Amino acid sequence: MTRRRRAAALLGLALLLGVLAASDVAGREAALRRQLGPAVPVVVVRAPLRAGERIARASLAVREVPERYAPPGALHDPDAAVGERAAVAIAERTDLVASLLAVPEVGAEPRGPVLRRGERALDLVAIGAADAVVAGAHVDVLVTYDGRAGAPGPTRLALAGVEVLAARPPPPAAAADPESAGGLPRLLATLRVTVRQAVALTAAAAAARQVRLLPRPGR
């Protein structure tokens, strides 16, 4: 083999090894991304906050982390914290979680629930146990449709494990609805849902004979 052919062969081998190495690295990166999950936004404190200080938008920033490493209860939208007060002193670069926000004082004007990006609060009138369907509980939403000759039809699971943000007695007209089950009262529950879930659940409830909230065991 001449020197020129030997050099060409070595160059070809080097290129082949480079392609194989790049392919291996890309495969490892893809596997790592699948393991860690997609990146999600997490709200970070940009400047130190004093205990009781009202949080301004300028005090917050957003960083992206793999979903697997996002802190439990982390806020994903800065607007959810703007106007709230810090429960304790919060250092710079701290991930902002719901537990770091002060609970409103008794008698203070109530604020809406803290919703994450893409979430909505949906009000739903349904049958449920008043002592179990409470804020913080998780419920399955069951819908029963009309059957033949006015008899109850099939029951379907419309949504599983949805969080209850609030529950209260419904308006008088809804409370007087005769469709009840086992003596359970009718409730007006506010549920944490996505936009898609809100659309699907609203359509299901509109076509249902009865909607029931089935509490799940405590987590």
N, C-alpha and C. Protein backbone atom coordinates (compact mmCIF):
# COMPACT_ATOMS: atom_id res chain seq x y z
N MET A 1 0.85 -1.20 0.00
CA MET A 1 0.00 0.00 0.00
C MET A 1 0.88 1.24 0.00
N THR A 2 0.60 2.17 -0.90
CA THR A 2 1.40 3.37 -0.99
C THR A 2 1.08 4.29 0.18
N ARG A 3 1.96 5.28 0.37
CA ARG A 3 1.75 6.23 1.46
C ARG A 3 0.45 7.00 1.26
N ARG A 4 0.12 7.36 0.01
CA ARG A 4 -1.09 8.12 -0.26
C ARG A 4 -2.34 7.30 0.08
N ARG A 5 -2.33 6.03 -0.31
CA ARG A 5 -3.48 5.19 -0.01
C ARG A 5 -3.62 4.94 1.48
N ARG A 6 -2.46 4.80 2.15
CA ARG A 6 -2.51 4.59 3.61
C ARG A 6 -3.11 5.82 4.29
N ALA A 7 -2.73 7.00 3.86
CA ALA A 7 -3.26 8.24 4.45
C ALA A 7 -4.76 8.34 4.19
N ALA A 8 -5.18 7.99 2.96
CA ALA A 8 -6.61 8.05 2.64
C ALA A 8 -7.40 7.07 3.50
N ALA A 9 -6.83 5.86 3.69
CA ALA A 9 -7.51 4.85 4.51
C ALA A 9 -7.64 5.31 5.96
N LEU A 10 -6.56 5.91 6.49
CA LEU A 10 -6.60 6.40 7.87
C LEU A 10 -7.60 7.54 8.02
N LEU A 11 -7.68 8.41 7.01
CA LEU A 11 -8.64 9.53 7.06
C LEU A 11 -10.07 9.00 7.05
N GLY A 12 -10.31 8.01 6.17
CA GLY A 12 -11.65 7.42 6.12
C GLY A 12 -12.04 6.76 7.43
N LEU A 13 -11.05 6.04 8.03
CA LEU A 13 -11.31 5.40 9.31
C LEU A 13 -11.61 6.43 10.40
N ALA A 14 -10.88 7.55 10.39
CA ALA A 14 -11.11 8.60 11.38
C ALA A 14 -12.49 9.21 11.23
N LEU A 15 -12.92 9.42 9.98
CA LEU A 15 -14.25 9.97 9.74
C LEU A 15 -15.33 9.01 10.22
N LEU A 16 -15.12 7.71 9.95
CA LEU A 16 -16.10 6.71 10.38
C LEU A 16 -16.21 6.66 11.90
N LEU A 17 -15.05 6.70 12.58
CA LEU A 17 -15.07 6.69 14.04
C LEU A 17 -15.74 7.94 14.59
N GLY A 18 -15.53 9.08 13.91
CA GLY A 18 -16.16 10.33 14.36
C GLY A 18 -17.67 10.26 14.24
N VAL A 19 -18.15 9.69 13.13
CA VAL A 19 -19.60 9.55 12.94
C VAL A 19 -20.19 8.62 14.00
N LEU A 20 -19.50 7.50 14.26
CA LEU A 20 -19.99 6.55 15.26
C LEU A 20 -20.01 7.18 16.65
N ALA A 21 -18.97 7.95 16.96
CA ALA A 21 -18.92 8.60 18.28
C ALA A 21 -20.04 9.62 18.43
N ALA A 22 -20.28 10.41 17.36
CA ALA A 22 -21.35 11.41 17.41
C ALA A 22 -22.70 10.74 17.57
N SER A 23 -22.91 9.63 16.86
CA SER A 23 -24.17 8.90 16.96
C SER A 23 -24.37 8.35 18.36
N ASP A 24 -23.29 7.85 18.97
CA ASP A 24 -23.39 7.31 20.33
C ASP A 24 -23.72 8.40 21.33
N VAL A 25 -23.09 9.57 21.19
CA VAL A 25 -23.37 10.69 22.09
C VAL A 25 -24.81 11.14 21.94
N ALA A 26 -25.29 11.24 20.70
CA ALA A 26 -26.68 11.67 20.47
C ALA A 26 -27.65 10.67 21.08
N GLY A 27 -27.34 9.38 20.96
CA GLY A 27 -28.21 8.36 21.55
C GLY A 27 -28.24 8.46 23.05
N ARG A 28 -27.08 8.71 23.66
CA ARG A 28 -27.03 8.84 25.12
C ARG A 28 -27.80 10.07 25.58
N GLU A 29 -27.67 11.18 24.83
CA GLU A 29 -28.39 12.40 25.20
C GLU A 29 -29.90 12.18 25.10
N ALA A 30 -30.34 11.49 24.05
CA ALA A 30 -31.77 11.23 23.89
C ALA A 30 -32.29 10.35 25.02
N ALA A 31 -31.51 9.34 25.40
CA ALA A 31 -31.93 8.46 26.50
C ALA A 31 -32.00 9.23 27.82
N LEU A 32 -31.04 10.15 28.02
CA LEU A 32 -31.03 10.95 29.24
C LEU A 32 -32.24 11.87 29.29
N ARG A 33 -32.59 12.47 28.13
CA ARG A 33 -33.76 13.35 28.09
C ARG A 33 -35.03 12.57 28.39
N ARG A 34 -35.13 11.35 27.87
CA ARG A 34 -36.31 10.54 28.15
C ARG A 34 -36.39 10.19 29.63
N GLN A 35 -35.24 9.96 30.25
CA GLN A 35 -35.22 9.59 31.66
C GLN A 35 -35.59 10.76 32.56
N LEU A 36 -35.10 11.96 32.22
CA LEU A 36 -35.33 13.13 33.06
C LEU A 36 -36.67 13.78 32.79
N GLY A 37 -37.25 13.53 31.62
CA GLY A 37 -38.52 14.16 31.28
C GLY A 37 -38.29 15.52 30.63
N PRO A 38 -39.35 16.12 30.11
CA PRO A 38 -39.22 17.42 29.45
C PRO A 38 -38.86 18.52 30.43
N ALA A 39 -38.31 19.59 29.90
CA ALA A 39 -37.96 20.74 30.75
C ALA A 39 -39.23 21.50 31.10
N VAL A 40 -39.32 21.96 32.35
CA VAL A 40 -40.47 22.72 32.82
C VAL A 40 -39.97 24.02 33.43
N PRO A 41 -40.77 25.09 33.35
CA PRO A 41 -40.37 26.37 33.96
C PRO A 41 -40.56 26.32 35.47
N VAL A 42 -39.63 26.92 36.19
CA VAL A 42 -39.71 27.04 37.64
C VAL A 42 -39.41 28.49 38.01
N VAL A 43 -40.26 29.08 38.84
CA VAL A 43 -40.07 30.46 39.27
C VAL A 43 -38.95 30.53 40.31
N VAL A 44 -38.05 31.49 40.13
CA VAL A 44 -36.89 31.67 41.03
C VAL A 44 -36.91 33.10 41.56
N VAL A 45 -36.50 33.22 42.82
CA VAL A 45 -36.40 34.56 43.43
C VAL A 45 -35.13 35.23 42.93
N ARG A 46 -35.29 36.37 42.27
CA ARG A 46 -34.15 37.08 41.69
C ARG A 46 -33.44 37.93 42.73
N ALA A 47 -34.19 38.52 43.64
CA ALA A 47 -33.61 39.37 44.69
C ALA A 47 -34.15 38.91 46.04
N PRO A 48 -33.36 39.00 47.11
CA PRO A 48 -33.81 38.52 48.42
C PRO A 48 -35.12 39.19 48.85
N LEU A 49 -35.96 38.41 49.53
CA LEU A 49 -37.24 38.91 50.02
C LEU A 49 -37.28 38.81 51.54
N ARG A 50 -37.82 39.82 52.18
CA ARG A 50 -37.99 39.79 53.63
C ARG A 50 -39.31 39.10 53.97
N ALA A 51 -39.38 38.55 55.16
CA ALA A 51 -40.63 37.92 55.62
C ALA A 51 -41.73 38.97 55.63
N GLY A 52 -42.85 38.66 55.02
CA GLY A 52 -43.98 39.59 54.97
C GLY A 52 -43.94 40.56 53.80
N GLU A 53 -42.83 40.56 53.05
CA GLU A 53 -42.72 41.50 51.93
C GLU A 53 -43.63 41.06 50.78
N ARG A 54 -44.31 42.04 50.18
CA ARG A 54 -45.17 41.74 49.04
C ARG A 54 -44.29 41.50 47.81
N ILE A 55 -44.59 40.48 47.07
CA ILE A 55 -43.74 40.05 45.96
C ILE A 55 -44.09 40.81 44.69
N ALA A 56 -43.08 41.41 44.07
CA ALA A 56 -43.25 42.13 42.81
C ALA A 56 -42.70 41.29 41.66
N ARG A 57 -43.17 41.57 40.48
CA ARG A 57 -42.73 40.80 39.31
C ARG A 57 -41.23 40.94 39.09
N ALA A 58 -40.69 42.12 39.39
CA ALA A 58 -39.27 42.35 39.18
C ALA A 58 -38.39 41.50 40.09
N SER A 59 -38.96 40.97 41.16
CA SER A 59 -38.20 40.15 42.10
C SER A 59 -38.11 38.69 41.66
N LEU A 60 -38.75 38.37 40.54
CA LEU A 60 -38.83 36.97 40.13
C LEU A 60 -38.21 36.75 38.76
N ALA A 61 -37.75 35.55 38.56
CA ALA A 61 -37.23 35.12 37.25
C ALA A 61 -37.73 33.69 37.02
N VAL A 62 -37.47 33.17 35.84
CA VAL A 62 -37.90 31.82 35.49
C VAL A 62 -36.71 31.06 34.93
N ARG A 63 -36.51 29.83 35.38
CA ARG A 63 -35.49 28.95 34.81
C ARG A 63 -36.15 27.63 34.43
N GLU A 64 -35.53 26.91 33.53
CA GLU A 64 -36.07 25.63 33.12
C GLU A 64 -35.22 24.49 33.68
N VAL A 65 -35.89 23.50 34.21
CA VAL A 65 -35.21 22.33 34.78
C VAL A 65 -35.91 21.08 34.27
N PRO A 66 -35.22 19.93 34.25
CA PRO A 66 -35.92 18.69 33.90
C PRO A 66 -37.08 18.45 34.85
N GLU A 67 -38.19 17.97 34.32
CA GLU A 67 -39.40 17.78 35.12
C GLU A 67 -39.13 16.93 36.36
N ARG A 68 -38.21 15.97 36.22
CA ARG A 68 -37.91 15.06 37.34
C ARG A 68 -37.32 15.80 38.53
N TYR A 69 -36.62 16.90 38.29
CA TYR A 69 -35.94 17.62 39.36
C TYR A 69 -36.65 18.91 39.76
N ALA A 70 -37.85 19.16 39.22
CA ALA A 70 -38.61 20.33 39.65
C ALA A 70 -39.06 20.13 41.10
N PRO A 71 -38.85 21.12 41.97
CA PRO A 71 -39.24 20.96 43.38
C PRO A 71 -40.74 20.74 43.51
N PRO A 72 -41.17 19.85 44.42
CA PRO A 72 -42.61 19.67 44.65
C PRO A 72 -43.25 21.00 45.06
N GLY A 73 -44.38 21.33 44.46
CA GLY A 73 -45.07 22.57 44.79
C GLY A 73 -44.47 23.80 44.15
N ALA A 74 -43.50 23.63 43.24
CA ALA A 74 -42.87 24.79 42.61
C ALA A 74 -43.88 25.56 41.76
N LEU A 75 -43.76 26.87 41.77
CA LEU A 75 -44.60 27.70 40.92
C LEU A 75 -43.99 27.74 39.52
N HIS A 76 -44.83 27.67 38.51
CA HIS A 76 -44.35 27.67 37.13
C HIS A 76 -44.64 28.99 36.42
N ASP A 77 -45.49 29.81 37.01
CA ASP A 77 -45.86 31.09 36.40
C ASP A 77 -45.63 32.21 37.41
N PRO A 78 -44.76 33.18 37.12
CA PRO A 78 -44.50 34.26 38.07
C PRO A 78 -45.76 35.02 38.48
N ASP A 79 -46.73 35.14 37.58
CA ASP A 79 -47.94 35.89 37.89
C ASP A 79 -48.71 35.28 39.05
N ALA A 80 -48.50 33.98 39.31
CA ALA A 80 -49.20 33.33 40.42
C ALA A 80 -48.70 33.83 41.77
N ALA A 81 -47.50 34.42 41.82
CA ALA A 81 -46.94 34.89 43.09
C ALA A 81 -46.97 36.40 43.23
N VAL A 82 -47.16 37.12 42.13
CA VAL A 82 -47.15 38.58 42.18
C VAL A 82 -48.30 39.07 43.07
N GLY A 83 -47.97 39.94 44.02
CA GLY A 83 -48.97 40.46 44.95
C GLY A 83 -49.10 39.66 46.23
N GLU A 84 -48.57 38.42 46.25
CA GLU A 84 -48.57 37.63 47.48
C GLU A 84 -47.46 38.12 48.40
N ARG A 85 -47.47 37.66 49.64
CA ARG A 85 -46.43 38.02 50.60
C ARG A 85 -45.57 36.81 50.92
N ALA A 86 -44.29 37.06 51.17
CA ALA A 86 -43.38 35.98 51.54
C ALA A 86 -43.67 35.55 52.98
N ALA A 87 -43.81 34.25 53.18
CA ALA A 87 -44.10 33.75 54.53
C ALA A 87 -42.86 33.85 55.42
N VAL A 88 -41.68 33.72 54.84
CA VAL A 88 -40.40 33.79 55.56
C VAL A 88 -39.43 34.56 54.69
N ALA A 89 -38.25 34.85 55.24
CA ALA A 89 -37.21 35.46 54.43
C ALA A 89 -36.75 34.46 53.36
N ILE A 90 -36.66 34.92 52.13
CA ILE A 90 -36.32 34.04 51.02
C ILE A 90 -35.05 34.54 50.36
N ALA A 91 -34.04 33.69 50.27
CA ALA A 91 -32.76 34.09 49.71
C ALA A 91 -32.82 34.17 48.19
N GLU A 92 -31.87 34.91 47.64
CA GLU A 92 -31.74 35.02 46.19
C GLU A 92 -31.48 33.64 45.57
N ARG A 93 -32.02 33.40 44.39
CA ARG A 93 -31.88 32.17 43.61
C ARG A 93 -32.63 30.98 44.21
N THR A 94 -33.52 31.22 45.15
CA THR A 94 -34.32 30.15 45.73
C THR A 94 -35.50 29.84 44.80
N ASP A 95 -35.76 28.55 44.59
CA ASP A 95 -36.96 28.15 43.84
C ASP A 95 -38.18 28.51 44.68
N LEU A 96 -39.14 29.17 44.06
CA LEU A 96 -40.32 29.63 44.79
C LEU A 96 -41.39 28.54 44.76
N VAL A 97 -41.72 28.02 45.94
CA VAL A 97 -42.76 27.00 46.06
C VAL A 97 -43.93 27.60 46.84
N ALA A 98 -45.08 26.96 46.73
CA ALA A 98 -46.30 27.51 47.32
C ALA A 98 -46.18 27.67 48.83
N SER A 99 -45.43 26.77 49.48
CA SER A 99 -45.31 26.83 50.94
C SER A 99 -44.55 28.06 51.43
N LEU A 100 -43.84 28.75 50.54
CA LEU A 100 -43.11 29.96 50.94
C LEU A 100 -43.97 31.21 50.87
N LEU A 101 -45.21 31.05 50.41
CA LEU A 101 -46.13 32.19 50.34
C LEU A 101 -46.96 32.24 51.61
N ALA A 102 -47.19 33.45 52.12
CA ALA A 102 -47.94 33.61 53.36
C ALA A 102 -49.40 33.26 53.14
N VAL A 103 -50.00 32.62 54.14
CA VAL A 103 -51.44 32.33 54.11
C VAL A 103 -52.18 33.61 54.46
N PRO A 104 -53.22 34.00 53.70
CA PRO A 104 -53.95 35.24 54.01
C PRO A 104 -54.50 35.22 55.42
N GLU A 105 -54.51 36.38 56.06
CA GLU A 105 -55.03 36.49 57.42
C GLU A 105 -56.54 36.28 57.43
N VAL A 106 -57.03 35.82 58.58
CA VAL A 106 -58.47 35.64 58.74
C VAL A 106 -59.16 36.99 58.58
N GLY A 107 -60.19 37.04 57.77
CA GLY A 107 -60.90 38.29 57.53
C GLY A 107 -60.37 39.06 56.36
N ALA A 108 -59.20 38.65 55.81
CA ALA A 108 -58.67 39.36 54.65
C ALA A 108 -59.47 38.97 53.42
N GLU A 109 -59.46 39.84 52.44
CA GLU A 109 -60.20 39.58 51.22
C GLU A 109 -59.63 38.34 50.55
N PRO A 110 -60.45 37.34 50.27
CA PRO A 110 -59.93 36.09 49.69
C PRO A 110 -59.40 36.30 48.29
N ARG A 111 -58.35 35.56 47.97
CA ARG A 111 -57.77 35.59 46.63
C ARG A 111 -58.10 34.27 45.95
N GLY A 112 -58.04 34.26 44.65
CA GLY A 112 -58.32 33.05 43.90
C GLY A 112 -57.23 32.02 44.14
N PRO A 113 -57.47 30.77 43.80
CA PRO A 113 -56.46 29.72 43.98
C PRO A 113 -55.25 29.96 43.10
N VAL A 114 -54.09 29.50 43.55
CA VAL A 114 -52.87 29.62 42.77
C VAL A 114 -52.90 28.55 41.68
N LEU A 115 -52.98 28.98 40.44
CA LEU A 115 -53.04 28.06 39.31
C LEU A 115 -51.72 28.08 38.57
N ARG A 116 -51.31 26.90 38.12
CA ARG A 116 -50.10 26.80 37.34
C ARG A 116 -50.40 27.08 35.87
N ARG A 117 -49.35 27.22 35.09
CA ARG A 117 -49.52 27.53 33.68
C ARG A 117 -50.38 26.46 33.00
N GLY A 118 -51.38 26.89 32.24
CA GLY A 118 -52.25 25.98 31.52
C GLY A 118 -53.40 25.44 32.34
N GLU A 119 -53.52 25.83 33.62
CA GLU A 119 -54.58 25.33 34.48
C GLU A 119 -55.74 26.32 34.57
N ARG A 120 -56.91 25.78 34.91
CA ARG A 120 -58.11 26.59 35.09
C ARG A 120 -58.85 26.10 36.33
N ALA A 121 -59.67 26.97 36.92
CA ALA A 121 -60.54 26.59 38.03
C ALA A 121 -61.95 26.45 37.48
N LEU A 122 -62.49 25.23 37.51
CA LEU A 122 -63.80 24.93 36.92
C LEU A 122 -64.81 24.66 38.03
N ASP A 123 -65.93 25.40 38.02
CA ASP A 123 -67.01 25.17 38.96
C ASP A 123 -67.93 24.09 38.41
N LEU A 124 -68.28 23.13 39.26
CA LEU A 124 -69.10 22.01 38.84
C LEU A 124 -70.09 21.66 39.95
N VAL A 125 -71.37 21.61 39.61
CA VAL A 125 -72.40 21.19 40.56
C VAL A 125 -72.51 19.67 40.47
N ALA A 126 -72.36 18.99 41.61
CA ALA A 126 -72.36 17.53 41.61
C ALA A 126 -72.79 17.02 42.97
N ILE A 127 -73.08 15.74 43.03
CA ILE A 127 -73.40 15.06 44.29
C ILE A 127 -72.11 14.59 44.94
N GLY A 128 -72.02 14.76 46.26
CA GLY A 128 -70.82 14.32 46.95
C GLY A 128 -70.96 14.44 48.45
N ALA A 129 -70.10 13.76 49.17
CA ALA A 129 -70.10 13.81 50.63
C ALA A 129 -69.45 15.12 51.08
N ALA A 130 -70.22 15.95 51.76
CA ALA A 130 -69.74 17.28 52.13
C ALA A 130 -68.51 17.23 53.04
N ASP A 131 -68.38 16.17 53.84
CA ASP A 131 -67.25 16.10 54.76
C ASP A 131 -65.99 15.55 54.11
N ALA A 132 -66.11 15.03 52.87
CA ALA A 132 -64.95 14.47 52.18
C ALA A 132 -64.56 15.28 50.95
N VAL A 133 -65.53 15.91 50.31
CA VAL A 133 -65.24 16.75 49.15
C VAL A 133 -64.94 18.15 49.67
N VAL A 134 -63.68 18.38 50.00
CA VAL A 134 -63.24 19.64 50.60
C VAL A 134 -61.97 20.10 49.88
N ALA A 135 -61.58 21.32 50.12
CA ALA A 135 -60.38 21.87 49.50
C ALA A 135 -59.17 20.98 49.82
N GLY A 136 -58.42 20.63 48.79
CA GLY A 136 -57.24 19.79 48.95
C GLY A 136 -57.49 18.33 48.69
N ALA A 137 -58.76 17.92 48.69
CA ALA A 137 -59.08 16.51 48.41
C ALA A 137 -58.95 16.24 46.91
N HIS A 138 -58.81 14.97 46.56
CA HIS A 138 -58.78 14.54 45.17
C HIS A 138 -59.96 13.61 44.93
N VAL A 139 -60.65 13.82 43.83
CA VAL A 139 -61.88 13.07 43.56
C VAL A 139 -61.88 12.54 42.13
N ASP A 140 -62.69 11.49 41.93
CA ASP A 140 -63.01 11.02 40.59
C ASP A 140 -64.38 11.57 40.23
N VAL A 141 -64.52 12.04 39.01
CA VAL A 141 -65.78 12.61 38.55
C VAL A 141 -66.52 11.54 37.73
N LEU A 142 -67.68 11.12 38.22
CA LEU A 142 -68.49 10.11 37.55
C LEU A 142 -69.72 10.78 36.96
N VAL A 143 -70.08 10.42 35.73
CA VAL A 143 -71.29 10.96 35.11
C VAL A 143 -72.20 9.79 34.72
N THR A 144 -73.47 9.95 35.02
CA THR A 144 -74.48 8.95 34.66
C THR A 144 -75.41 9.56 33.62
N TYR A 145 -75.63 8.85 32.54
CA TYR A 145 -76.46 9.36 31.45
C TYR A 145 -77.86 8.75 31.52
N ASP A 146 -78.79 9.33 30.78
CA ASP A 146 -80.16 8.80 30.71
C ASP A 146 -80.17 7.49 29.94
N GLY A 147 -80.99 6.57 30.43
CA GLY A 147 -81.19 5.32 29.73
C GLY A 147 -82.54 5.32 29.03
N ARG A 148 -83.03 4.14 28.75
CA ARG A 148 -84.32 4.03 28.09
C ARG A 148 -85.47 4.25 29.07
N ALA A 149 -86.54 4.83 28.55
CA ALA A 149 -87.77 5.06 29.34
C ALA A 149 -87.49 5.84 30.61
N GLY A 150 -86.53 6.76 30.54
CA GLY A 150 -86.25 7.62 31.69
C GLY A 150 -85.45 6.97 32.79
N ALA A 151 -85.06 5.72 32.62
CA ALA A 151 -84.26 5.04 33.65
C ALA A 151 -82.80 5.49 33.56
N PRO A 152 -82.05 5.38 34.67
CA PRO A 152 -80.63 5.73 34.61
C PRO A 152 -79.88 4.86 33.60
N GLY A 153 -79.01 5.48 32.86
CA GLY A 153 -78.22 4.77 31.86
C GLY A 153 -76.84 4.44 32.39
N PRO A 154 -75.88 4.28 31.49
CA PRO A 154 -74.52 3.91 31.91
C PRO A 154 -73.82 5.03 32.67
N THR A 155 -72.92 4.63 33.52
CA THR A 155 -72.09 5.58 34.27
C THR A 155 -70.67 5.51 33.74
N ARG A 156 -70.07 6.65 33.52
CA ARG A 156 -68.73 6.72 32.97
C ARG A 156 -67.82 7.55 33.88
N LEU A 157 -66.53 7.22 33.87
CA LEU A 157 -65.52 8.02 34.57
C LEU A 157 -65.11 9.16 33.65
N ALA A 158 -65.46 10.40 34.03
CA ALA A 158 -65.15 11.56 33.20
C ALA A 158 -63.76 12.11 33.48
N LEU A 159 -63.33 12.04 34.73
CA LEU A 159 -62.02 12.58 35.10
C LEU A 159 -61.58 11.90 36.39
N ALA A 160 -60.32 11.51 36.45
CA ALA A 160 -59.80 10.77 37.61
C ALA A 160 -58.79 11.60 38.39
N GLY A 161 -58.90 11.57 39.71
CA GLY A 161 -57.89 12.17 40.59
C GLY A 161 -57.75 13.67 40.47
N VAL A 162 -58.84 14.38 40.22
CA VAL A 162 -58.76 15.83 40.08
C VAL A 162 -58.78 16.48 41.46
N GLU A 163 -58.04 17.58 41.61
CA GLU A 163 -57.93 18.26 42.91
C GLU A 163 -59.10 19.22 43.12
N VAL A 164 -59.64 19.21 44.32
CA VAL A 164 -60.70 20.13 44.71
C VAL A 164 -60.06 21.39 45.30
N LEU A 165 -60.36 22.53 44.71
CA LEU A 165 -59.83 23.80 45.23
C LEU A 165 -60.76 24.41 46.27
N ALA A 166 -62.05 24.17 46.13
CA ALA A 166 -63.04 24.68 47.08
C ALA A 166 -64.33 23.91 46.89
N ALA A 167 -65.16 23.89 47.94
CA ALA A 167 -66.48 23.24 47.86
C ALA A 167 -67.43 23.99 48.77
N ARG A 168 -68.64 24.19 48.29
CA ARG A 168 -69.62 24.97 49.03
C ARG A 168 -71.03 24.57 48.55
N PRO A 169 -72.07 24.99 49.29
CA PRO A 169 -73.43 24.68 48.83
C PRO A 169 -73.70 25.35 47.48
N PRO A 170 -74.48 24.70 46.63
CA PRO A 170 -74.78 25.27 45.32
C PRO A 170 -75.87 26.33 45.41
N PRO A 171 -76.13 27.03 44.33
CA PRO A 171 -77.26 27.97 44.31
C PRO A 171 -78.56 27.24 44.63
N PRO A 172 -79.56 27.94 45.15
CA PRO A 172 -80.82 27.28 45.55
C PRO A 172 -81.46 26.46 44.44
N ALA A 173 -81.42 26.94 43.21
CA ALA A 173 -82.05 26.21 42.10
C ALA A 173 -81.38 24.86 41.90
N ALA A 174 -80.06 24.82 41.98
CA ALA A 174 -79.33 23.56 41.79
C ALA A 174 -79.49 22.66 43.00
N ALA A 175 -79.57 23.24 44.19
CA ALA A 175 -79.70 22.44 45.41
C ALA A 175 -81.04 21.72 45.45
N ALA A 176 -82.05 22.28 44.79
CA ALA A 176 -83.38 21.69 44.82
C ALA A 176 -83.56 20.61 43.77
N ASP A 177 -82.55 20.35 42.97
CA ASP A 177 -82.65 19.33 41.93
C ASP A 177 -82.96 17.98 42.57
N PRO A 178 -83.97 17.26 42.10
CA PRO A 178 -84.37 16.00 42.75
C PRO A 178 -83.40 14.86 42.51
N GLU A 179 -82.50 15.00 41.52
CA GLU A 179 -81.59 13.90 41.23
C GLU A 179 -80.49 13.82 42.29
N SER A 180 -80.66 12.98 43.27
CA SER A 180 -79.66 12.80 44.31
C SER A 180 -79.38 11.31 44.44
N ALA A 181 -78.40 10.98 45.26
CA ALA A 181 -78.03 9.57 45.40
C ALA A 181 -77.69 9.28 46.85
N GLY A 182 -78.43 8.33 47.45
CA GLY A 182 -78.11 7.90 48.80
C GLY A 182 -78.18 9.01 49.82
N GLY A 183 -78.99 10.02 49.58
CA GLY A 183 -79.11 11.10 50.53
C GLY A 183 -77.95 12.07 50.54
N LEU A 184 -77.01 11.94 49.61
CA LEU A 184 -75.88 12.86 49.56
C LEU A 184 -76.32 14.23 49.05
N PRO A 185 -75.74 15.30 49.57
CA PRO A 185 -76.13 16.64 49.13
C PRO A 185 -75.48 17.00 47.80
N ARG A 186 -75.99 18.03 47.20
CA ARG A 186 -75.38 18.57 45.99
C ARG A 186 -74.40 19.66 46.41
N LEU A 187 -73.26 19.71 45.75
CA LEU A 187 -72.19 20.66 46.09
C LEU A 187 -71.79 21.44 44.85
N LEU A 188 -71.30 22.64 45.08
CA LEU A 188 -70.66 23.40 44.01
C LEU A 188 -69.16 23.32 44.27
N ALA A 189 -68.49 22.48 43.50
CA ALA A 189 -67.05 22.24 43.71
C ALA A 189 -66.24 22.98 42.65
N THR A 190 -65.15 23.56 43.08
CA THR A 190 -64.20 24.18 42.15
C THR A 190 -63.03 23.23 41.97
N LEU A 191 -62.79 22.81 40.74
CA LEU A 191 -61.78 21.80 40.45
C LEU A 191 -60.61 22.40 39.69
N ARG A 192 -59.40 21.87 39.95
CA ARG A 192 -58.20 22.28 39.22
C ARG A 192 -58.09 21.39 37.97
N VAL A 193 -58.22 22.00 36.79
CA VAL A 193 -58.21 21.24 35.55
C VAL A 193 -57.39 21.97 34.49
N THR A 194 -57.05 21.24 33.43
CA THR A 194 -56.46 21.88 32.26
C THR A 194 -57.59 22.38 31.37
N VAL A 195 -57.23 23.17 30.36
CA VAL A 195 -58.25 23.69 29.45
C VAL A 195 -58.96 22.54 28.75
N ARG A 196 -58.22 21.56 28.30
CA ARG A 196 -58.82 20.41 27.60
C ARG A 196 -59.76 19.66 28.53
N GLN A 197 -59.34 19.46 29.78
CA GLN A 197 -60.21 18.76 30.74
C GLN A 197 -61.47 19.57 31.02
N ALA A 198 -61.33 20.89 31.10
CA ALA A 198 -62.48 21.74 31.36
C ALA A 198 -63.52 21.61 30.25
N VAL A 199 -63.07 21.61 29.00
CA VAL A 199 -63.98 21.49 27.86
C VAL A 199 -64.69 20.13 27.89
N ALA A 200 -63.90 19.06 28.09
CA ALA A 200 -64.47 17.72 28.09
C ALA A 200 -65.44 17.52 29.26
N LEU A 201 -65.08 18.02 30.43
CA LEU A 201 -65.92 17.82 31.61
C LEU A 201 -67.20 18.64 31.52
N THR A 202 -67.12 19.85 30.97
CA THR A 202 -68.31 20.68 30.80
C THR A 202 -69.29 20.01 29.85
N ALA A 203 -68.78 19.44 28.75
CA ALA A 203 -69.64 18.75 27.79
C ALA A 203 -70.27 17.51 28.42
N ALA A 204 -69.49 16.76 29.19
CA ALA A 204 -70.01 15.55 29.82
C ALA A 204 -71.09 15.88 30.84
N ALA A 205 -70.87 16.94 31.64
CA ALA A 205 -71.84 17.33 32.66
C ALA A 205 -73.14 17.83 32.03
N ALA A 206 -73.02 18.53 30.90
CA ALA A 206 -74.20 19.06 30.23
C ALA A 206 -75.09 17.94 29.71
N ALA A 207 -74.50 16.82 29.31
CA ALA A 207 -75.27 15.70 28.76
C ALA A 207 -75.65 14.67 29.82
N ALA A 208 -75.18 14.85 31.05
CA ALA A 208 -75.37 13.84 32.08
C ALA A 208 -76.68 14.00 32.83
N ARG A 209 -77.20 12.89 33.28
CA ARG A 209 -78.36 12.90 34.17
C ARG A 209 -77.91 13.25 35.59
N GLN A 210 -76.74 12.77 35.94
CA GLN A 210 -76.22 12.98 37.29
C GLN A 210 -74.69 13.03 37.26
N VAL A 211 -74.11 13.93 38.05
CA VAL A 211 -72.66 14.02 38.20
C VAL A 211 -72.33 13.77 39.67
N ARG A 212 -71.37 12.91 39.89
CA ARG A 212 -71.03 12.55 41.27
C ARG A 212 -69.53 12.66 41.48
N LEU A 213 -69.13 13.18 42.64
CA LEU A 213 -67.72 13.29 43.01
C LEU A 213 -67.41 12.18 44.01
N LEU A 214 -66.49 11.32 43.63
CA LEU A 214 -66.13 10.17 44.47
C LEU A 214 -64.76 10.44 45.09
N PRO A 215 -64.68 10.73 46.40
CA PRO A 215 -63.40 11.07 47.03
C PRO A 215 -62.42 9.90 46.97
N ARG A 216 -61.17 10.25 46.77
CA ARG A 216 -60.09 9.26 46.79
C ARG A 216 -59.48 9.22 48.19
N PRO A 217 -58.85 8.09 48.57
CA PRO A 217 -58.18 8.03 49.87
C PRO A 217 -57.10 9.10 49.96
N GLY A 218 -56.85 9.58 51.18
CA GLY A 218 -55.84 10.60 51.39
C GLY A 218 -54.50 10.17 50.88
N ARG A 219 -53.73 11.14 50.32
CA ARG A 219 -52.43 10.81 49.76
C ARG A 219 -51.36 10.90 50.83
